[in-house]
Each structure stands twice: as C-alpha cells, then as structure tokens.
Amino acid sequence: MRTFLTTAIAIFAILNAIALWHLLTVHPRRRAFVAAIAILCNLMWFFLPLLNTRTDFSRFARAVLGPPWFGWLCFVLLDSIFIALVAAVWVVAGRNGRFRDFARWPSRAFLAIIATGSIVGFYQAIVPLRTEVVPVVIRDLPPELDHFRIALVADIHVGLLTRPSRLEQIFATTSSLRPNVAVLAGDLIDDDPHYIPKLLAGTRALGPSIPLIGVFGNHEMYGAPHEVIAMLRGSRIRLLVNEGASFGRTWFAGISDYAAREASLRPDMARSLAPRPADSLPIVVAHQPKAFDEARRRGIPLTLVAHTHGGQCGFRALHWSLAGLFLPYDMGLYQRGESQLYVNTGTGFWLLPFRLGMTPEITLVELRRAPR
C-alpha cells in the first residue's frame, strides 16, 4: 500500500506541475485563482492516511475534500495530455512566436469545454433518474415466469452527502415499476457501515410487498463487511452472501464480491446455487461483470451485475462508455450462447458527482418466453 501511494503521489505531482505550468504560463492573469484552486483540490492528499479511521472527521474530510481532489486528478491528467498535444503542434508548425501566445486560444477553448462538461455532468449525476426497460428472452422459460419483472438498482454509494430525498426518489421509482423482485447489485454504501441506517431509511419508499435482495460490492469489502452483514440481518434488505433466495420458480443466486480479503467471504457460485430446486430458473446476481465467465460455464441463463458506472461518461445511444476502454462488459445487455448478462451502469456515483451522458439508471428486466 505504501509503495502504491508513493507511486501515485509521484505521478500526480508531475501532472500537477505540468498543469500548473500550463495555467500559470498561458493565463498569467489568473495566477491567484489557479493557485487557490490547486491548493484546495490537493488538500485530500494530507488526509489519505486517516480515511479508514471511521471518525466523524474522516467522514467529513472524505465527503468534502474528496470530490474536488478526484476532479482535479482527472483534470490534470486531461490537461497534461492536451498541453502536450498543443506543444507538439507548435513544434511541428516551426515554433512561430511564443508558446504561451500560440496556446492561449486553444487553451481557452479546452478550459471552456471542461467547465461546460463539468456543469452538465454534475447536473446529470444528481437530478435525472433513468428507467431502462430491458426485455430478456429466455428459451424454455416456464410459462408462469413470462413477464416476470426484476428491478435492478446498483452503486448507490450512500455516504455523508447523499440526500435522503434522493434515496426516497430511487426507491419510490423502483416501487412504481411494480417489480416481482427488487435487486441491489452491490456498492450500497461508500465503504463505511455507518451509512447503513441512511440506506435503510430510504428503502421505506419501496412497497412493503416487494422483496428486496442485495449482494456485496467491492466498497462494502473495503470497509467492514461483517458489520454490514450484522446490520442488515433482519432488515428490509435480504443480503445474499454466497446464498440463494427463491421467488416463485426463480432462484436468485447472490455471490459475494471479488474484492473480499477473507476466505469466508470470497465468491462461491457453487454454494449459492447448491440449494436451488431443480425446476427453478437460476439467476446469478453479483456486483462485478467478471462473474459472467463462471455463470456461462455453468449454463446460467441470466446474470445481473453493475460496478462499471459506465465510466460515468459515455454515449448510451452508441453503446459506448469510458469503462468500455478497460472492460469487456461495460454496459447493457450481452448474449454469449445461451447465457445473457445485463450490466447496470449505476444508480448513484462514486465520490465525484459527475455523470456525463451516463445518467443514473434503474433497470427493469422483463423475462420473456422465446417464440416457438
């Protein structure tokens, strides 16, 4: 961990230096403003060792200083790439005039795009709530499961600044879809079990007759997973940790998360499927899309996951997301042979309230019989 932190600090120190050189050289009239922003956005580095102390102060530092810190890290990365490209063009063009004069208008356009995108992304992260209706056709689906409805919510990341009204909106919207089962596909909280009561308060907006099940995400594992289990025991949320639950002729196999450090909490799909009645339809629920590979090998017809957030940036109409640059399954519905996977792009956001083109999503999966 110490090596990783040292490496990260070194890399971002270089990126900070490049971005600050760019901003202070090309836009010298804004030096005081740039310096103040840079200092504010880098304060979080000093509090990183305290993040796991789970005190009121550490929660406040994470919630207040974390978003500008992460936003600044993203900015200096993009800015360094941008100014390197401008410098390359300047060199190829024969170094006509001073660099700061050559770069001024491109820089202004770049900063205007960043500012506009930040405002739009902030709005899209905290205001819209998209309902994605996804028909899933399954061969030999039992007739009584035709039009069986599953509401999928994920990556809420409940934390200090999560608005109770937003949680109420999420669960009220889920309830209005009249699902047979509602599923929480991990990352329910932002690491700290301290926020479980806030999450449970939000679930009161869900109709009492609608079953609500959930699985671990990596952020529950980063915190205190055994405390989460204890706090959810007997609550509105039925947490499945390598366990299954039957609803009619469906069997929801909830597996644990791959970020688990303890052997007892590591994913065990075989265990979650073992008690399944032979005539029931198996549906795997996990947080990370990597569960799909094992589900395919086992012939599971449907797997429901989340985790990717769609990179919190993308174009739904083109089925492209930032996460797709790194992951084989980043958003939407996939079919491989007789097995299908749906990747929810997240109902909340992680740390930075920014979702450009990837508005928060609640998925309504409707099972359909394949035509004969």
Protein backbone atom coordinates (compact mmCIF):
# COMPACT_ATOMS: atom_id res chain seq x y z
CA MET A 1 0.00 0.00 0.00
CA ARG A 2 2.82 2.39 0.88
CA THR A 3 4.53 1.71 -2.47
CA PHE A 4 1.29 2.31 -4.36
CA LEU A 5 0.64 5.57 -2.52
CA THR A 6 4.20 6.78 -3.11
CA THR A 7 3.94 5.98 -6.82
CA ALA A 8 0.56 7.71 -7.12
CA ILE A 9 1.86 10.82 -5.37
CA ALA A 10 4.91 10.94 -7.64
CA ILE A 11 2.85 10.56 -10.83
CA PHE A 12 0.29 13.15 -9.87
CA ALA A 13 2.98 15.53 -8.62
CA ILE A 14 4.38 15.52 -12.16
CA LEU A 15 0.92 16.00 -13.69
CA ASN A 16 0.20 18.82 -11.23
CA ALA A 17 3.44 20.52 -12.22
CA ILE A 18 2.61 20.27 -15.93
CA ALA A 19 -0.94 21.57 -15.46
CA LEU A 20 0.16 24.42 -13.20
CA TRP A 21 2.93 25.39 -15.62
CA HIS A 22 0.35 25.47 -18.41
CA LEU A 23 -2.22 27.51 -16.49
CA LEU A 24 0.21 29.95 -14.90
CA THR A 25 2.20 30.50 -18.12
CA VAL A 26 -0.61 30.70 -20.67
CA HIS A 27 -3.08 32.51 -18.39
CA PRO A 28 -0.88 34.63 -16.08
CA ARG A 29 -3.75 36.96 -15.07
CA ARG A 30 -5.43 34.04 -13.28
CA ARG A 31 -2.45 33.06 -11.12
CA ALA A 32 -4.05 33.76 -7.73
CA PHE A 33 -7.22 31.90 -8.71
CA VAL A 34 -5.30 28.92 -10.13
CA ALA A 35 -3.08 28.70 -7.03
CA ALA A 36 -6.08 28.77 -4.68
CA ILE A 37 -7.90 26.06 -6.64
CA ALA A 38 -4.81 23.86 -6.83
CA ILE A 39 -4.20 24.10 -3.07
CA LEU A 40 -7.84 23.34 -2.22
CA CYS A 41 -8.03 20.40 -4.60
CA ASN A 42 -4.82 18.81 -3.31
CA LEU A 43 -5.63 19.03 0.41
CA MET A 44 -7.00 15.49 0.37
CA TRP A 45 -3.51 14.03 -0.01
CA PHE A 46 -2.77 15.03 3.60
CA PHE A 47 -5.82 13.17 4.92
CA LEU A 48 -5.48 9.90 2.98
CA PRO A 49 -3.90 8.06 5.98
CA LEU A 50 -6.99 8.94 8.06
CA LEU A 51 -9.67 7.69 5.67
CA ASN A 52 -10.10 4.30 7.32
CA THR A 53 -10.26 5.65 10.88
CA ARG A 54 -14.08 5.91 10.57
CA THR A 55 -14.41 9.03 12.69
CA ASP A 56 -16.73 11.96 12.11
CA PHE A 57 -13.71 13.99 11.00
CA SER A 58 -12.52 11.38 8.47
CA ARG A 59 -16.05 11.09 7.07
CA PHE A 60 -16.24 14.86 6.72
CA ALA A 61 -12.82 15.07 5.07
CA ARG A 62 -13.69 12.36 2.57
CA ALA A 63 -17.08 13.85 1.69
CA VAL A 64 -15.95 17.47 1.41
CA LEU A 65 -12.36 17.24 0.15
CA GLY A 66 -12.67 14.00 -1.83
CA PRO A 67 -14.75 15.25 -4.80
CA PRO A 68 -12.58 18.29 -5.67
CA TRP A 69 -9.46 16.15 -5.17
CA PHE A 70 -10.63 13.44 -7.55
CA GLY A 71 -11.98 16.00 -10.02
CA TRP A 72 -8.61 17.78 -10.01
CA LEU A 73 -6.77 14.50 -10.59
CA CYS A 74 -8.93 13.88 -13.66
CA PHE A 75 -8.36 17.45 -14.82
CA VAL A 76 -4.56 17.44 -14.52
CA LEU A 77 -4.42 14.15 -16.44
CA LEU A 78 -6.51 15.55 -19.31
CA ASP A 79 -4.74 18.90 -19.17
CA SER A 80 -1.31 17.31 -19.38
CA ILE A 81 -2.36 15.34 -22.46
CA PHE A 82 -3.87 18.48 -24.01
CA ILE A 83 -0.87 20.73 -23.47
CA ALA A 84 1.48 18.03 -24.75
CA LEU A 85 -0.53 17.88 -27.99
CA VAL A 86 -0.53 21.67 -28.32
CA ALA A 87 3.23 21.73 -27.74
CA ALA A 88 3.71 19.06 -30.41
CA VAL A 89 1.68 21.12 -32.93
CA TRP A 90 3.68 24.23 -32.01
CA VAL A 91 6.96 22.41 -32.67
CA VAL A 92 5.74 20.97 -35.98
CA ALA A 93 4.50 24.43 -37.01
CA GLY A 94 8.01 25.77 -36.64
CA ARG A 95 7.74 27.35 -33.20
CA ASN A 96 6.28 30.54 -34.59
CA GLY A 97 6.02 33.11 -31.80
CA ARG A 98 6.00 32.45 -28.07
CA PHE A 99 4.38 29.22 -26.93
CA ARG A 100 2.04 30.94 -24.49
CA ASP A 101 0.63 33.11 -27.29
CA PHE A 102 0.25 30.10 -29.59
CA ALA A 103 -1.51 28.07 -26.87
CA ARG A 104 -3.79 30.79 -25.48
CA TRP A 105 -6.88 30.32 -27.66
CA PRO A 106 -6.71 26.50 -27.82
CA SER A 107 -6.32 26.57 -24.04
CA ARG A 108 -9.33 28.83 -23.60
CA ALA A 109 -11.43 26.51 -25.77
CA PHE A 110 -10.20 23.46 -23.82
CA LEU A 111 -10.98 25.05 -20.44
CA ALA A 112 -14.41 26.17 -21.66
CA ILE A 113 -15.21 22.60 -22.72
CA ILE A 114 -14.03 21.27 -19.35
CA ALA A 115 -16.14 23.84 -17.45
CA THR A 116 -19.25 23.17 -19.54
CA GLY A 117 -18.84 19.41 -19.30
CA SER A 118 -18.37 19.65 -15.53
CA ILE A 119 -21.60 21.60 -15.07
CA VAL A 120 -23.61 19.28 -17.31
CA GLY A 121 -22.05 16.19 -15.72
CA PHE A 122 -22.84 17.48 -12.22
CA TYR A 123 -26.47 18.08 -13.16
CA GLN A 124 -26.81 14.66 -14.80
CA ALA A 125 -25.36 12.95 -11.71
CA ILE A 126 -27.77 14.40 -9.16
CA VAL A 127 -31.03 15.23 -10.97
CA PRO A 128 -32.19 12.79 -13.70
CA LEU A 129 -33.17 9.20 -12.93
CA ARG A 130 -33.42 7.00 -15.98
CA THR A 131 -35.59 3.88 -16.14
CA GLU A 132 -34.20 1.34 -18.58
CA VAL A 133 -36.73 -1.35 -19.59
CA VAL A 134 -34.91 -4.45 -20.84
CA PRO A 135 -36.78 -7.47 -22.26
CA VAL A 136 -34.74 -10.64 -21.80
CA VAL A 137 -35.86 -13.57 -23.94
CA ILE A 138 -35.07 -16.96 -22.40
CA ARG A 139 -35.60 -20.27 -24.13
CA ASP A 140 -37.82 -22.75 -22.29
CA LEU A 141 -38.86 -20.14 -19.76
CA PRO A 142 -41.66 -21.56 -17.56
CA PRO A 143 -44.99 -20.02 -18.65
CA GLU A 144 -45.64 -18.57 -15.18
CA LEU A 145 -42.40 -16.56 -15.42
CA ASP A 146 -43.36 -14.87 -18.68
CA HIS A 147 -43.22 -11.09 -17.97
CA PHE A 148 -41.63 -11.69 -14.55
CA ARG A 149 -40.20 -8.29 -13.58
CA ILE A 150 -36.89 -7.62 -11.83
CA ALA A 151 -35.92 -4.09 -10.77
CA LEU A 152 -32.14 -3.63 -10.67
CA VAL A 153 -30.56 -0.84 -8.61
CA ALA A 154 -26.82 -0.58 -8.03
CA ASP A 155 -23.87 1.54 -6.98
CA ILE A 156 -25.83 3.94 -4.79
CA HIS A 157 -22.69 4.61 -2.72
CA VAL A 158 -24.58 6.07 0.23
CA GLY A 159 -22.33 8.50 2.08
CA LEU A 160 -22.32 11.62 4.21
CA LEU A 161 -23.65 13.94 1.48
CA THR A 162 -26.17 11.51 -0.02
CA ARG A 163 -29.54 13.25 0.09
CA PRO A 164 -32.30 11.30 1.87
CA SER A 165 -34.72 12.75 -0.70
CA ARG A 166 -32.66 11.19 -3.49
CA LEU A 167 -32.77 7.78 -1.83
CA GLU A 168 -36.52 8.13 -1.39
CA GLN A 169 -36.84 9.03 -5.08
CA ILE A 170 -34.79 5.98 -6.12
CA PHE A 171 -36.85 3.52 -4.10
CA ALA A 172 -40.18 5.19 -4.88
CA THR A 173 -39.37 4.99 -8.59
CA THR A 174 -38.39 1.35 -8.16
CA SER A 175 -41.68 0.67 -6.40
CA SER A 176 -43.66 2.37 -9.19
CA LEU A 177 -42.28 -0.18 -11.68
CA ARG A 178 -44.18 -2.90 -9.79
CA PRO A 179 -41.39 -5.49 -9.92
CA ASN A 180 -41.77 -9.03 -8.64
CA VAL A 181 -38.34 -8.67 -7.04
CA ALA A 182 -36.04 -5.68 -6.47
CA VAL A 183 -32.29 -6.27 -6.51
CA LEU A 184 -29.42 -4.17 -5.13
CA ALA A 185 -26.32 -5.21 -7.06
CA GLY A 186 -23.60 -4.03 -4.67
CA ASP A 187 -21.81 -0.86 -3.57
CA LEU A 188 -24.77 0.07 -1.41
CA ILE A 189 -22.59 2.31 0.78
CA ASP A 190 -19.33 4.17 0.40
CA ASP A 191 -17.17 1.78 2.46
CA ASP A 192 -18.36 2.77 5.93
CA PRO A 193 -21.20 0.75 7.58
CA HIS A 194 -22.06 3.98 9.40
CA TYR A 195 -24.32 4.79 6.43
CA ILE A 196 -26.43 1.61 6.53
CA PRO A 197 -29.22 3.29 8.61
CA LYS A 198 -29.49 6.06 5.99
CA LEU A 199 -29.81 3.45 3.25
CA LEU A 200 -32.46 1.51 5.18
CA ALA A 201 -34.43 4.71 5.79
CA GLY A 202 -34.54 5.23 2.02
CA THR A 203 -35.91 1.74 1.40
CA ARG A 204 -39.12 2.69 3.23
CA ALA A 205 -40.31 4.20 -0.06
CA LEU A 206 -40.32 0.72 -1.60
CA GLY A 207 -43.67 -1.06 -1.43
CA PRO A 208 -43.70 -3.48 1.53
CA SER A 209 -44.88 -6.39 -0.63
CA ILE A 210 -41.86 -6.16 -2.95
CA PRO A 211 -38.98 -8.46 -1.92
CA LEU A 212 -35.65 -6.64 -1.74
CA ILE A 213 -32.41 -8.59 -2.00
CA GLY A 214 -28.82 -7.39 -2.24
CA VAL A 215 -25.24 -8.51 -2.68
CA PHE A 216 -21.87 -7.18 -1.63
CA GLY A 217 -19.88 -4.80 -3.80
CA ASN A 218 -16.20 -4.03 -3.60
CA HIS A 219 -16.84 -0.94 -1.47
CA GLU A 220 -18.53 -2.98 1.26
CA MET A 221 -15.42 -5.15 1.24
CA TYR A 222 -13.14 -2.12 1.57
CA GLY A 223 -14.96 -1.20 4.77
CA ALA A 224 -16.20 -3.69 7.36
CA PRO A 225 -18.20 -6.42 5.61
CA HIS A 226 -19.03 -8.37 8.77
CA GLU A 227 -20.55 -5.24 10.29
CA VAL A 228 -22.65 -4.77 7.16
CA ILE A 229 -23.90 -8.36 7.47
CA ALA A 230 -24.80 -7.82 11.12
CA MET A 231 -26.55 -4.51 10.49
CA LEU A 232 -28.63 -5.87 7.59
CA ARG A 233 -29.64 -9.06 9.39
CA GLY A 234 -33.42 -9.00 9.78
CA SER A 235 -33.71 -5.69 7.90
CA ARG A 236 -35.64 -4.69 4.78
CA ILE A 237 -32.68 -5.80 2.65
CA ARG A 238 -32.03 -9.51 2.45
CA LEU A 239 -28.29 -9.70 1.86
CA LEU A 240 -27.17 -12.79 -0.07
CA VAL A 241 -23.55 -13.75 0.60
CA ASN A 242 -22.97 -16.87 -1.49
CA GLU A 243 -26.60 -17.74 -0.80
CA GLY A 244 -29.78 -18.10 -2.80
CA ALA A 245 -33.38 -16.98 -2.50
CA SER A 246 -36.45 -18.41 -4.18
CA PHE A 247 -39.31 -16.33 -5.55
CA GLY A 248 -41.88 -18.42 -7.35
CA ARG A 249 -39.96 -20.54 -9.83
CA THR A 250 -36.90 -18.28 -9.83
CA TRP A 251 -33.72 -18.83 -7.83
CA PHE A 252 -31.58 -15.76 -7.24
CA ALA A 253 -28.01 -16.85 -6.51
CA GLY A 254 -26.24 -13.94 -4.82
CA ILE A 255 -22.47 -14.23 -4.82
CA SER A 256 -20.00 -12.28 -2.74
CA ASP A 257 -17.54 -9.79 -4.22
CA TYR A 258 -14.12 -10.43 -5.73
CA ALA A 259 -12.55 -7.74 -3.54
CA ALA A 260 -13.03 -9.94 -0.45
CA ARG A 261 -9.82 -10.46 1.51
CA GLU A 262 -11.14 -13.18 3.80
CA ALA A 263 -11.58 -16.72 2.50
CA SER A 264 -15.02 -16.96 4.12
CA LEU A 265 -16.27 -14.01 2.07
CA ARG A 266 -14.83 -14.88 -1.33
CA PRO A 267 -17.27 -15.59 -4.18
CA ASP A 268 -18.65 -19.12 -4.23
CA MET A 269 -21.17 -19.56 -7.02
CA ALA A 270 -21.46 -23.31 -6.47
CA ARG A 271 -22.55 -22.72 -2.89
CA SER A 272 -25.14 -20.12 -3.88
CA LEU A 273 -26.64 -22.49 -6.46
CA ALA A 274 -26.49 -25.71 -4.45
CA PRO A 275 -29.92 -25.47 -2.73
CA ARG A 276 -31.71 -24.49 -5.95
CA PRO A 277 -34.85 -26.54 -6.73
CA ALA A 278 -34.37 -28.46 -9.96
CA ASP A 279 -37.38 -26.87 -11.66
CA SER A 280 -36.44 -23.23 -10.86
CA LEU A 281 -34.85 -20.67 -13.17
CA PRO A 282 -31.35 -19.73 -11.89
CA ILE A 283 -30.40 -16.05 -11.99
CA VAL A 284 -26.96 -15.03 -10.75
CA VAL A 285 -26.67 -11.65 -9.00
CA ALA A 286 -23.17 -10.26 -8.50
CA HIS A 287 -21.52 -6.89 -8.38
CA GLN A 288 -18.73 -7.30 -10.91
CA PRO A 289 -19.18 -8.41 -14.54
CA LYS A 290 -16.34 -10.92 -14.17
CA ALA A 291 -18.92 -13.26 -12.59
CA PHE A 292 -20.34 -13.84 -16.07
CA ASP A 293 -17.49 -16.11 -17.16
CA GLU A 294 -18.28 -18.70 -14.48
CA ALA A 295 -22.02 -18.26 -14.97
CA ARG A 296 -21.58 -19.10 -18.67
CA ARG A 297 -19.59 -22.21 -17.85
CA ARG A 298 -22.40 -23.32 -15.56
CA GLY A 299 -25.06 -22.64 -18.18
CA ILE A 300 -26.82 -19.93 -16.16
CA PRO A 301 -29.33 -18.19 -18.46
CA LEU A 302 -29.14 -14.73 -16.83
CA THR A 303 -26.59 -12.81 -14.78
CA LEU A 304 -27.24 -9.35 -13.33
CA VAL A 305 -24.31 -7.10 -12.37
CA ALA A 306 -23.19 -3.47 -12.10
CA HIS A 307 -19.85 -1.98 -10.91
CA THR A 308 -18.73 -0.19 -14.09
CA HIS A 309 -20.80 3.02 -13.69
CA GLY A 310 -20.40 3.21 -17.47
CA GLY A 311 -17.24 5.07 -16.57
CA GLN A 312 -19.61 7.90 -15.54
CA CYS A 313 -19.04 9.22 -19.06
CA GLY A 314 -20.28 7.94 -22.40
CA PHE A 315 -22.92 7.85 -25.12
CA ARG A 316 -25.77 5.43 -24.46
CA ALA A 317 -27.13 5.67 -27.99
CA LEU A 318 -23.80 4.44 -29.34
CA HIS A 319 -23.39 1.84 -26.59
CA TRP A 320 -20.04 3.45 -25.76
CA SER A 321 -18.74 4.27 -22.32
CA LEU A 322 -15.42 5.23 -20.82
CA ALA A 323 -15.44 1.95 -18.89
CA GLY A 324 -15.53 0.08 -22.20
CA LEU A 325 -11.91 1.07 -22.79
CA PHE A 326 -10.91 -1.21 -19.92
CA LEU A 327 -13.67 -3.82 -19.51
CA PRO A 328 -15.18 -6.35 -21.95
CA TYR A 329 -18.66 -5.90 -20.44
CA ASP A 330 -19.31 -2.28 -19.53
CA MET A 331 -23.00 -1.52 -20.09
CA GLY A 332 -26.27 -3.01 -21.26
CA LEU A 333 -27.26 -6.49 -22.42
CA TYR A 334 -24.90 -9.14 -23.75
CA GLN A 335 -25.58 -12.65 -25.02
CA ARG A 336 -22.99 -15.39 -25.26
CA GLY A 337 -24.50 -18.66 -26.36
CA GLU A 338 -27.50 -19.44 -24.16
CA SER A 339 -26.29 -17.14 -21.36
CA GLN A 340 -27.13 -13.45 -21.05
CA LEU A 341 -25.61 -10.67 -18.95
CA TYR A 342 -27.03 -7.29 -18.04
CA VAL A 343 -24.68 -4.57 -16.74
CA ASN A 344 -26.43 -1.77 -14.88
CA THR A 345 -24.48 1.50 -15.23
CA GLY A 346 -25.20 2.66 -11.69
CA THR A 347 -27.93 4.49 -9.85
CA GLY A 348 -25.53 6.73 -7.94
CA PHE A 349 -21.96 7.89 -8.39
CA TRP A 350 -18.62 7.31 -6.72
CA LEU A 351 -17.01 10.27 -4.93
CA LEU A 352 -17.30 12.81 -7.76
CA PRO A 353 -20.87 13.94 -8.61
CA PHE A 354 -20.30 13.69 -12.35
CA ARG A 355 -22.07 11.51 -14.92
CA LEU A 356 -21.75 12.96 -18.40
CA GLY A 357 -24.05 11.09 -20.79
CA MET A 358 -24.45 8.27 -18.26
CA THR A 359 -27.42 9.41 -16.21
CA PRO A 360 -28.28 7.32 -13.12
CA GLU A 361 -30.10 4.15 -14.05
CA ILE A 362 -32.77 1.88 -12.61
CA THR A 363 -33.23 -1.19 -14.77
CA LEU A 364 -36.47 -3.11 -15.18
CA VAL A 365 -35.64 -6.54 -16.55
CA GLU A 366 -38.68 -8.32 -18.01
CA LEU A 367 -38.34 -12.06 -18.63
CA ARG A 368 -39.94 -13.21 -21.88
CA ARG A 369 -40.55 -16.64 -23.36
CA ALA A 370 -38.78 -17.32 -26.63
CA PRO A 371 -41.27 -17.74 -29.53
CA ARG A 372 -41.64 -21.30 -30.66
